[in-house]
Amino acid sequence: MILSAGFTFHLGIGNWINYGFFAFFSTLAVYNGQRIFKTEQLNKTPWLDWVKQNRRALIFVVITSSIAALACLISVLTFNWSTIPILAISGMISVLYVIKVRGVNMREIPYLKIHLIAISWTLVLIVFPIANESIDASALYYGFAHYLFVIGVTIPFDIRDLKHDSTKHKTIPQVGGVTNAKAIGTLSIFIFAVLIALTNRSFLLNPLFFIAVTSQIVLLSLTSERRSDIYCAGLVDGAIAILGFSYFIS
């Protein structure tokens, strides 16, 4: 939520808070919906066992957050036709990421998992507001930069999931090893920082921006297969908010 709100505020969009809430509620609905669906799979984890035990409460969360996300979407939607394919693609990825078609879901397609996450997040948080507000197409430059950022911050999750993911998934840590995966993630975050700084020199004087970038690189370097869900979902995901806050002062 903070990243989306901060980015749209940085672009000068007046109803930035509604974009933030749309990102928050839609993510809450999709994330919990995917977890509920995954409880029917054979590979069980303590987290999925907890989800199964609290299934009814989570279904309520999915329904209410979906309604809230729809309300926020309606409040910002300008009926710009270019937003339709953006929302459709991100929605399709969210559904087919876990639901199987002909025996396979999208996250199981070799080499594709991390890119699906990066594309869907970039479309919703960055590209959608730019298209919806009819901002100059040159602003889509931000989209590529944030795509690299999401790649970098998602690699810790792929490293953590090495013990769960099938080798057929061909994730970056599976193919190149943990050390090389960390190097790729670090490079992605660094290039992101350079690209963003080139778009606006004020980021060079923004301490929160440097803290956001540095903290993600440090967390990535400390990631291992033994890291818990709290480390990834709490620290790595939580540190993304620092980047969002940095946009409010640039």
C-alpha atoms as a PDB file:
ATOM      1  CA  MET A   1       0.000   0.000   0.000  1.00  0.00           C
ATOM      2  CA  ILE A   2       2.724   2.468   0.994  1.00  0.00           C
ATOM      3  CA  LEU A   3       4.690   1.870  -2.197  1.00  0.00           C
ATOM      4  CA  SER A   4       1.647   2.476  -4.402  1.00  0.00           C
ATOM      5  CA  ALA A   5       0.508   5.532  -2.421  1.00  0.00           C
ATOM      6  CA  GLY A   6       4.003   6.992  -2.310  1.00  0.00           C
ATOM      7  CA  PHE A   7       4.628   6.468  -6.006  1.00  0.00           C
ATOM      8  CA  THR A   8       1.344   8.058  -7.092  1.00  0.00           C
ATOM      9  CA  PHE A   9       1.979  10.948  -4.667  1.00  0.00           C
ATOM     10  CA  HIS A  10       5.407  11.389  -6.267  1.00  0.00           C
ATOM     11  CA  LEU A  11       3.719  11.611  -9.680  1.00  0.00           C
ATOM     12  CA  GLY A  12       1.435  14.351  -8.363  1.00  0.00           C
ATOM     13  CA  ILE A  13      -1.778  12.302  -8.549  1.00  0.00           C
ATOM     14  CA  GLY A  14      -4.363  13.889  -6.256  1.00  0.00           C
ATOM     15  CA  ASN A  15      -6.200  10.734  -5.155  1.00  0.00           C
ATOM     16  CA  TRP A  16      -2.972   8.861  -4.337  1.00  0.00           C
ATOM     17  CA  ILE A  17      -4.436   7.435  -1.122  1.00  0.00           C
ATOM     18  CA  ASN A  18      -7.136   5.558  -3.062  1.00  0.00           C
ATOM     19  CA  TYR A  19      -4.503   3.949  -5.284  1.00  0.00           C
ATOM     20  CA  GLY A  20      -2.729   2.845  -2.127  1.00  0.00           C
ATOM     21  CA  PHE A  21      -5.853   1.295  -0.647  1.00  0.00           C
ATOM     22  CA  PHE A  22      -6.665  -0.400  -3.964  1.00  0.00           C
ATOM     23  CA  ALA A  23      -3.216  -2.019  -3.954  1.00  0.00           C
ATOM     24  CA  PHE A  24      -3.604  -3.026  -0.300  1.00  0.00           C
ATOM     25  CA  PHE A  25      -7.041  -4.614  -0.514  1.00  0.00           C
ATOM     26  CA  SER A  26      -6.468  -6.303  -3.879  1.00  0.00           C
ATOM     27  CA  THR A  27      -3.192  -7.799  -2.625  1.00  0.00           C
ATOM     28  CA  LEU A  28      -4.886  -8.951   0.591  1.00  0.00           C
ATOM     29  CA  ALA A  29      -7.648 -10.643  -1.386  1.00  0.00           C
ATOM     30  CA  VAL A  30      -5.359 -12.314  -3.926  1.00  0.00           C
ATOM     31  CA  TYR A  31      -2.755 -13.464  -1.395  1.00  0.00           C
ATOM     32  CA  ASN A  32      -5.266 -15.062   0.957  1.00  0.00           C
ATOM     33  CA  GLY A  33      -7.298 -16.480  -1.904  1.00  0.00           C
ATOM     34  CA  GLN A  34      -4.212 -18.191  -3.296  1.00  0.00           C
ATOM     35  CA  ARG A  35      -3.326 -19.615   0.125  1.00  0.00           C
ATOM     36  CA  ILE A  36      -6.835 -21.010   0.602  1.00  0.00           C
ATOM     37  CA  PHE A  37      -6.648 -22.687  -2.801  1.00  0.00           C
ATOM     38  CA  LYS A  38      -3.183 -24.086  -2.063  1.00  0.00           C
ATOM     39  CA  THR A  39      -4.419 -25.890   1.063  1.00  0.00           C
ATOM     40  CA  GLU A  40      -5.845 -28.528  -1.277  1.00  0.00           C
ATOM     41  CA  GLN A  41      -2.412 -29.345  -2.678  1.00  0.00           C
ATOM     42  CA  LEU A  42      -0.321 -32.289  -1.563  1.00  0.00           C
ATOM     43  CA  ASN A  43       2.733 -30.334  -0.388  1.00  0.00           C
ATOM     44  CA  LYS A  44       1.803 -29.226   3.113  1.00  0.00           C
ATOM     45  CA  THR A  45       3.641 -26.674   5.239  1.00  0.00           C
ATOM     46  CA  PRO A  46       2.955 -25.375   8.768  1.00  0.00           C
ATOM     47  CA  TRP A  47       1.726 -22.132   7.215  1.00  0.00           C
ATOM     48  CA  LEU A  48      -0.751 -23.924   4.929  1.00  0.00           C
ATOM     49  CA  ASP A  49      -1.938 -26.023   7.885  1.00  0.00           C
ATOM     50  CA  TRP A  50      -2.693 -22.780   9.732  1.00  0.00           C
ATOM     51  CA  VAL A  51      -4.557 -21.460   6.674  1.00  0.00           C
ATOM     52  CA  LYS A  52      -6.668 -24.626   6.562  1.00  0.00           C
ATOM     53  CA  GLN A  53      -7.554 -24.331  10.238  1.00  0.00           C
ATOM     54  CA  ASN A  54      -8.642 -20.714   9.741  1.00  0.00           C
ATOM     55  CA  ARG A  55     -10.263 -21.210   6.355  1.00  0.00           C
ATOM     56  CA  ARG A  56     -13.633 -19.603   7.185  1.00  0.00           C
ATOM     57  CA  ALA A  57     -12.060 -16.464   8.635  1.00  0.00           C
ATOM     58  CA  LEU A  58      -9.784 -16.116   5.616  1.00  0.00           C
ATOM     59  CA  ILE A  59     -12.687 -16.564   3.200  1.00  0.00           C
ATOM     60  CA  PHE A  60     -14.366 -13.655   4.996  1.00  0.00           C
ATOM     61  CA  VAL A  61     -11.161 -11.612   4.576  1.00  0.00           C
ATOM     62  CA  VAL A  62     -11.036 -12.435   0.857  1.00  0.00           C
ATOM     63  CA  ILE A  63     -14.667 -11.411   0.306  1.00  0.00           C
ATOM     64  CA  THR A  64     -14.497  -8.163   2.285  1.00  0.00           C
ATOM     65  CA  SER A  65     -11.128  -7.116   0.876  1.00  0.00           C
ATOM     66  CA  SER A  66     -12.349  -7.867  -2.669  1.00  0.00           C
ATOM     67  CA  ILE A  67     -15.345  -5.585  -2.130  1.00  0.00           C
ATOM     68  CA  ALA A  68     -13.098  -2.873  -0.679  1.00  0.00           C
ATOM     69  CA  ALA A  69     -10.650  -3.209  -3.595  1.00  0.00           C
ATOM     70  CA  LEU A  70     -13.513  -2.872  -6.083  1.00  0.00           C
ATOM     71  CA  ALA A  71     -14.778   0.250  -4.308  1.00  0.00           C
ATOM     72  CA  CYS A  72     -11.306   1.810  -4.398  1.00  0.00           C
ATOM     73  CA  LEU A  73     -10.917   0.884  -8.055  1.00  0.00           C
ATOM     74  CA  ILE A  74     -14.225   2.545  -8.949  1.00  0.00           C
ATOM     75  CA  SER A  75     -13.172   5.680  -7.057  1.00  0.00           C
ATOM     76  CA  VAL A  76     -10.032   6.138  -9.177  1.00  0.00           C
ATOM     77  CA  LEU A  77     -11.057   4.618 -12.504  1.00  0.00           C
ATOM     78  CA  THR A  78     -11.125   7.145 -15.343  1.00  0.00           C
ATOM     79  CA  PHE A  79     -12.376   4.619 -17.905  1.00  0.00           C
ATOM     80  CA  ASN A  80      -9.233   5.006 -19.940  1.00  0.00           C
ATOM     81  CA  TRP A  81      -9.361   2.029 -22.309  1.00  0.00           C
ATOM     82  CA  SER A  82      -5.660   1.325 -21.871  1.00  0.00           C
ATOM     83  CA  THR A  83      -6.302   0.283 -18.262  1.00  0.00           C
ATOM     84  CA  ILE A  84      -8.502  -2.660 -19.276  1.00  0.00           C
ATOM     85  CA  PRO A  85      -5.708  -4.918 -20.609  1.00  0.00           C
ATOM     86  CA  ILE A  86      -3.466  -3.900 -17.687  1.00  0.00           C
ATOM     87  CA  LEU A  87      -6.032  -4.991 -15.091  1.00  0.00           C
ATOM     88  CA  ALA A  88      -7.006  -8.044 -17.143  1.00  0.00           C
ATOM     89  CA  ILE A  89      -3.430  -9.310 -17.430  1.00  0.00           C
ATOM     90  CA  SER A  90      -2.668  -8.772 -13.742  1.00  0.00           C
ATOM     91  CA  GLY A  91      -5.949 -10.455 -12.790  1.00  0.00           C
ATOM     92  CA  MET A  92      -5.275 -13.417 -15.084  1.00  0.00           C
ATOM     93  CA  ILE A  93      -1.809 -13.886 -13.587  1.00  0.00           C
ATOM     94  CA  SER A  94      -3.233 -13.749 -10.055  1.00  0.00           C
ATOM     95  CA  VAL A  95      -5.790 -16.478 -10.816  1.00  0.00           C
ATOM     96  CA  LEU A  96      -3.752 -18.775 -13.043  1.00  0.00           C
ATOM     97  CA  TYR A  97      -0.721 -18.503 -10.762  1.00  0.00           C
ATOM     98  CA  VAL A  98      -2.256 -21.243  -8.589  1.00  0.00           C
ATOM     99  CA  ILE A  99      -5.208 -22.635 -10.565  1.00  0.00           C
ATOM    100  CA  LYS A 100      -4.157 -25.392 -12.934  1.00  0.00           C
ATOM    101  CA  VAL A 101      -5.147 -25.542 -16.585  1.00  0.00           C
ATOM    102  CA  ARG A 102      -4.473 -28.911 -18.229  1.00  0.00           C
ATOM    103  CA  GLY A 103      -2.641 -30.033 -15.123  1.00  0.00           C
ATOM    104  CA  VAL A 104      -0.282 -27.074 -14.724  1.00  0.00           C
ATOM    105  CA  ASN A 105      -0.492 -23.597 -13.232  1.00  0.00           C
ATOM    106  CA  MET A 106       1.591 -20.615 -14.331  1.00  0.00           C
ATOM    107  CA  ARG A 107       3.991 -20.720 -11.374  1.00  0.00           C
ATOM    108  CA  GLU A 108       5.006 -24.247 -12.392  1.00  0.00           C
ATOM    109  CA  ILE A 109       6.110 -23.199 -15.876  1.00  0.00           C
ATOM    110  CA  PRO A 110       9.927 -23.315 -15.917  1.00  0.00           C
ATOM    111  CA  TYR A 111      11.751 -19.982 -15.485  1.00  0.00           C
ATOM    112  CA  LEU A 112       8.468 -18.017 -15.302  1.00  0.00           C
ATOM    113  CA  LYS A 113       7.568 -17.807 -11.600  1.00  0.00           C
ATOM    114  CA  ILE A 114       9.559 -14.726 -10.539  1.00  0.00           C
ATOM    115  CA  HIS A 115       8.689 -12.828 -13.714  1.00  0.00           C
ATOM    116  CA  LEU A 116       4.958 -13.374 -13.155  1.00  0.00           C
ATOM    117  CA  ILE A 117       5.260 -11.806  -9.709  1.00  0.00           C
ATOM    118  CA  ALA A 118       7.307  -8.879 -10.996  1.00  0.00           C
ATOM    119  CA  ILE A 119       4.979  -8.253 -13.952  1.00  0.00           C
ATOM    120  CA  SER A 120       1.768  -8.357 -11.893  1.00  0.00           C
ATOM    121  CA  TRP A 121       3.151  -6.065  -9.177  1.00  0.00           C
ATOM    122  CA  THR A 122       4.560  -3.619 -11.716  1.00  0.00           C
ATOM    123  CA  LEU A 123       1.301  -3.498 -13.653  1.00  0.00           C
ATOM    124  CA  VAL A 124      -0.867  -2.836 -10.590  1.00  0.00           C
ATOM    125  CA  LEU A 125       1.404  -0.503  -8.620  1.00  0.00           C
ATOM    126  CA  ILE A 126       3.146   1.444 -11.387  1.00  0.00           C
ATOM    127  CA  VAL A 127       1.699   1.022 -14.880  1.00  0.00           C
ATOM    128  CA  PHE A 128      -2.000   1.136 -13.934  1.00  0.00           C
ATOM    129  CA  PRO A 129      -1.891   4.590 -12.261  1.00  0.00           C
ATOM    130  CA  ILE A 130       0.224   6.010 -15.091  1.00  0.00           C
ATOM    131  CA  ALA A 131      -2.203   4.746 -17.752  1.00  0.00           C
ATOM    132  CA  ASN A 132      -5.328   5.535 -15.738  1.00  0.00           C
ATOM    133  CA  GLU A 133      -4.279   9.149 -15.186  1.00  0.00           C
ATOM    134  CA  SER A 134      -3.122   9.536 -18.834  1.00  0.00           C
ATOM    135  CA  ILE A 135       0.354  10.547 -17.700  1.00  0.00           C
ATOM    136  CA  ASP A 136       2.987  10.917 -20.413  1.00  0.00           C
ATOM    137  CA  ALA A 137       4.063   7.513 -21.717  1.00  0.00           C
ATOM    138  CA  SER A 138       7.672   8.350 -20.864  1.00  0.00           C
ATOM    139  CA  ALA A 139       6.702   7.735 -17.224  1.00  0.00           C
ATOM    140  CA  LEU A 140       6.490   4.032 -18.095  1.00  0.00           C
ATOM    141  CA  TYR A 141      10.247   4.161 -17.648  1.00  0.00           C
ATOM    142  CA  TYR A 142       9.364   3.783 -13.970  1.00  0.00           C
ATOM    143  CA  GLY A 143       7.706   0.478 -14.820  1.00  0.00           C
ATOM    144  CA  PHE A 144      10.900  -1.178 -16.011  1.00  0.00           C
ATOM    145  CA  ALA A 145      12.831   0.130 -13.007  1.00  0.00           C
ATOM    146  CA  HIS A 146      10.298  -1.258 -10.536  1.00  0.00           C
ATOM    147  CA  TYR A 147      10.142  -4.541 -12.422  1.00  0.00           C
ATOM    148  CA  LEU A 148      13.852  -4.948 -11.616  1.00  0.00           C
ATOM    149  CA  PHE A 149      13.225  -3.960  -7.995  1.00  0.00           C
ATOM    150  CA  VAL A 150      10.524  -6.615  -7.574  1.00  0.00           C
ATOM    151  CA  ILE A 151      12.821  -9.220  -9.145  1.00  0.00           C
ATOM    152  CA  GLY A 152      15.451  -8.347  -6.553  1.00  0.00           C
ATOM    153  CA  VAL A 153      13.144  -8.461  -3.528  1.00  0.00           C
ATOM    154  CA  THR A 154      11.446 -11.681  -4.684  1.00  0.00           C
ATOM    155  CA  ILE A 155      14.644 -13.739  -4.881  1.00  0.00           C
ATOM    156  CA  PRO A 156      14.759 -14.204  -1.064  1.00  0.00           C
ATOM    157  CA  PHE A 157      11.387 -15.972  -1.315  1.00  0.00           C
ATOM    158  CA  ASP A 158      12.712 -18.269  -4.051  1.00  0.00           C
ATOM    159  CA  ILE A 159      15.723 -19.088  -1.885  1.00  0.00           C
ATOM    160  CA  ARG A 160      13.466 -19.835   1.079  1.00  0.00           C
ATOM    161  CA  ASP A 161      11.231 -22.019  -1.108  1.00  0.00           C
ATOM    162  CA  LEU A 162      14.072 -24.202  -2.405  1.00  0.00           C
ATOM    163  CA  LYS A 163      12.976 -26.935  -0.008  1.00  0.00           C
ATOM    164  CA  HIS A 164       9.388 -26.774  -1.277  1.00  0.00           C
ATOM    165  CA  ASP A 165       9.565 -25.918  -5.003  1.00  0.00           C
ATOM    166  CA  SER A 166       9.785 -28.686  -7.554  1.00  0.00           C
ATOM    167  CA  THR A 167      13.056 -28.680  -9.477  1.00  0.00           C
ATOM    168  CA  LYS A 168      10.921 -28.407 -12.608  1.00  0.00           C
ATOM    169  CA  HIS A 169      10.141 -24.782 -11.716  1.00  0.00           C
ATOM    170  CA  LYS A 170      13.676 -23.716 -12.661  1.00  0.00           C
ATOM    171  CA  THR A 171      13.759 -20.736 -10.317  1.00  0.00           C
ATOM    172  CA  ILE A 172      16.869 -18.548 -10.278  1.00  0.00           C
ATOM    173  CA  PRO A 173      18.350 -20.207  -7.137  1.00  0.00           C
ATOM    174  CA  GLN A 174      17.620 -23.668  -8.578  1.00  0.00           C
ATOM    175  CA  VAL A 175      19.333 -22.903 -11.868  1.00  0.00           C
ATOM    176  CA  GLY A 176      22.247 -20.732 -10.754  1.00  0.00           C
ATOM    177  CA  GLY A 177      22.626 -21.530  -7.082  1.00  0.00           C
ATOM    178  CA  VAL A 178      22.003 -19.363  -4.035  1.00  0.00           C
ATOM    179  CA  THR A 179      25.163 -17.254  -4.374  1.00  0.00           C
ATOM    180  CA  ASN A 180      24.496 -16.360  -8.007  1.00  0.00           C
ATOM    181  CA  ALA A 181      20.839 -15.694  -7.226  1.00  0.00           C
ATOM    182  CA  LYS A 182      21.877 -13.180  -4.574  1.00  0.00           C
ATOM    183  CA  ALA A 183      24.240 -11.534  -7.055  1.00  0.00           C
ATOM    184  CA  ILE A 184      21.438 -11.224  -9.637  1.00  0.00           C
ATOM    185  CA  GLY A 185      19.080  -9.811  -7.018  1.00  0.00           C
ATOM    186  CA  THR A 186      21.652  -7.296  -5.817  1.00  0.00           C
ATOM    187  CA  LEU A 187      22.388  -6.191  -9.376  1.00  0.00           C
ATOM    188  CA  SER A 188      18.656  -5.803 -10.114  1.00  0.00           C
ATOM    189  CA  ILE A 189      18.117  -3.594  -7.057  1.00  0.00           C
ATOM    190  CA  PHE A 190      21.232  -1.540  -7.839  1.00  0.00           C
ATOM    191  CA  ILE A 191      20.154  -0.929 -11.457  1.00  0.00           C
ATOM    192  CA  PHE A 192      16.706   0.047 -10.171  1.00  0.00           C
ATOM    193  CA  ALA A 193      18.293   2.633  -7.860  1.00  0.00           C
ATOM    194  CA  VAL A 194      20.398   4.067 -10.679  1.00  0.00           C
ATOM    195  CA  LEU A 195      17.430   4.308 -13.067  1.00  0.00           C
ATOM    196  CA  ILE A 196      15.222   6.021 -10.476  1.00  0.00           C
ATOM    197  CA  ALA A 197      17.991   8.470  -9.540  1.00  0.00           C
ATOM    198  CA  LEU A 198      18.428   9.338 -13.215  1.00  0.00           C
ATOM    199  CA  THR A 199      14.732  10.208 -13.530  1.00  0.00           C
ATOM    200  CA  ASN A 200      14.876  12.631 -10.599  1.00  0.00           C
ATOM    201  CA  ARG A 201      18.112  13.906  -9.110  1.00  0.00           C
ATOM    202  CA  SER A 202      16.340  14.637  -5.809  1.00  0.00           C
ATOM    203  CA  PHE A 203      16.624  10.940  -4.993  1.00  0.00           C
ATOM    204  CA  LEU A 204      20.378  11.427  -4.679  1.00  0.00           C
ATOM    205  CA  LEU A 205      19.679  13.593  -1.619  1.00  0.00           C
ATOM    206  CA  ASN A 206      16.928  11.355  -0.248  1.00  0.00           C
ATOM    207  CA  PRO A 207      18.197   9.380   2.794  1.00  0.00           C
ATOM    208  CA  LEU A 208      15.115   7.145   2.923  1.00  0.00           C
ATOM    209  CA  PHE A 209      15.703   6.066  -0.664  1.00  0.00           C
ATOM    210  CA  PHE A 210      19.234   4.934   0.159  1.00  0.00           C
ATOM    211  CA  ILE A 211      17.998   3.173   3.304  1.00  0.00           C
ATOM    212  CA  ALA A 212      15.312   1.382   1.264  1.00  0.00           C
ATOM    213  CA  VAL A 213      17.808   0.162  -1.331  1.00  0.00           C
ATOM    214  CA  THR A 214      20.511  -0.741   1.176  1.00  0.00           C
ATOM    215  CA  SER A 215      18.149  -2.602   3.512  1.00  0.00           C
ATOM    216  CA  GLN A 216      16.873  -4.803   0.682  1.00  0.00           C
ATOM    217  CA  ILE A 217      20.402  -5.652  -0.432  1.00  0.00           C
ATOM    218  CA  VAL A 218      21.405  -6.503   3.158  1.00  0.00           C
ATOM    219  CA  LEU A 219      18.300  -8.648   3.703  1.00  0.00           C
ATOM    220  CA  LEU A 220      18.974 -10.425   0.413  1.00  0.00           C
ATOM    221  CA  SER A 221      22.580 -11.135   1.399  1.00  0.00           C
ATOM    222  CA  LEU A 222      21.431 -12.653   4.717  1.00  0.00           C
ATOM    223  CA  THR A 223      18.783 -14.877   3.122  1.00  0.00           C
ATOM    224  CA  SER A 224      19.126 -18.654   3.320  1.00  0.00           C
ATOM    225  CA  GLU A 225      16.950 -21.741   2.925  1.00  0.00           C
ATOM    226  CA  ARG A 226      16.553 -21.791   6.702  1.00  0.00           C
ATOM    227  CA  ARG A 227      14.923 -18.366   6.891  1.00  0.00           C
ATOM    228  CA  SER A 228      11.367 -18.359   8.210  1.00  0.00           C
ATOM    229  CA  ASP A 229       8.195 -16.937   6.707  1.00  0.00           C
ATOM    230  CA  ILE A 230       8.499 -14.090   9.225  1.00  0.00           C
ATOM    231  CA  TYR A 231      11.879 -13.099   7.797  1.00  0.00           C
ATOM    232  CA  CYS A 232      10.576 -12.943   4.219  1.00  0.00           C
ATOM    233  CA  ALA A 233       6.994 -11.793   4.731  1.00  0.00           C
ATOM    234  CA  GLY A 234       7.852  -9.572   7.687  1.00  0.00           C
ATOM    235  CA  LEU A 235      11.286  -8.071   7.049  1.00  0.00           C
ATOM    236  CA  VAL A 236      11.755  -8.299   3.266  1.00  0.00           C
ATOM    237  CA  ASP A 237       8.159  -7.363   2.436  1.00  0.00           C
ATOM    238  CA  GLY A 238       8.029  -4.820   5.248  1.00  0.00           C
ATOM    239  CA  ALA A 239      11.168  -3.050   4.060  1.00  0.00           C
ATOM    240  CA  ILE A 240       9.425  -2.287   0.760  1.00  0.00           C
ATOM    241  CA  ALA A 241       7.393   0.295   2.698  1.00  0.00           C
ATOM    242  CA  ILE A 242      10.579   2.326   3.225  1.00  0.00           C
ATOM    243  CA  LEU A 243      10.795   2.827  -0.530  1.00  0.00           C
ATOM    244  CA  GLY A 244       7.178   3.977  -0.535  1.00  0.00           C
ATOM    245  CA  PHE A 245       7.847   6.513   2.223  1.00  0.00           C
ATOM    246  CA  SER A 246      10.887   7.792   0.307  1.00  0.00           C
ATOM    247  CA  TYR A 247       8.615   8.837  -2.571  1.00  0.00           C
ATOM    248  CA  PHE A 248       6.749  11.226  -0.288  1.00  0.00           C
ATOM    249  CA  ILE A 249       9.878  13.339   0.183  1.00  0.00           C
ATOM    250  CA  SER A 250      11.256  13.329  -3.386  1.00  0.00           C
END
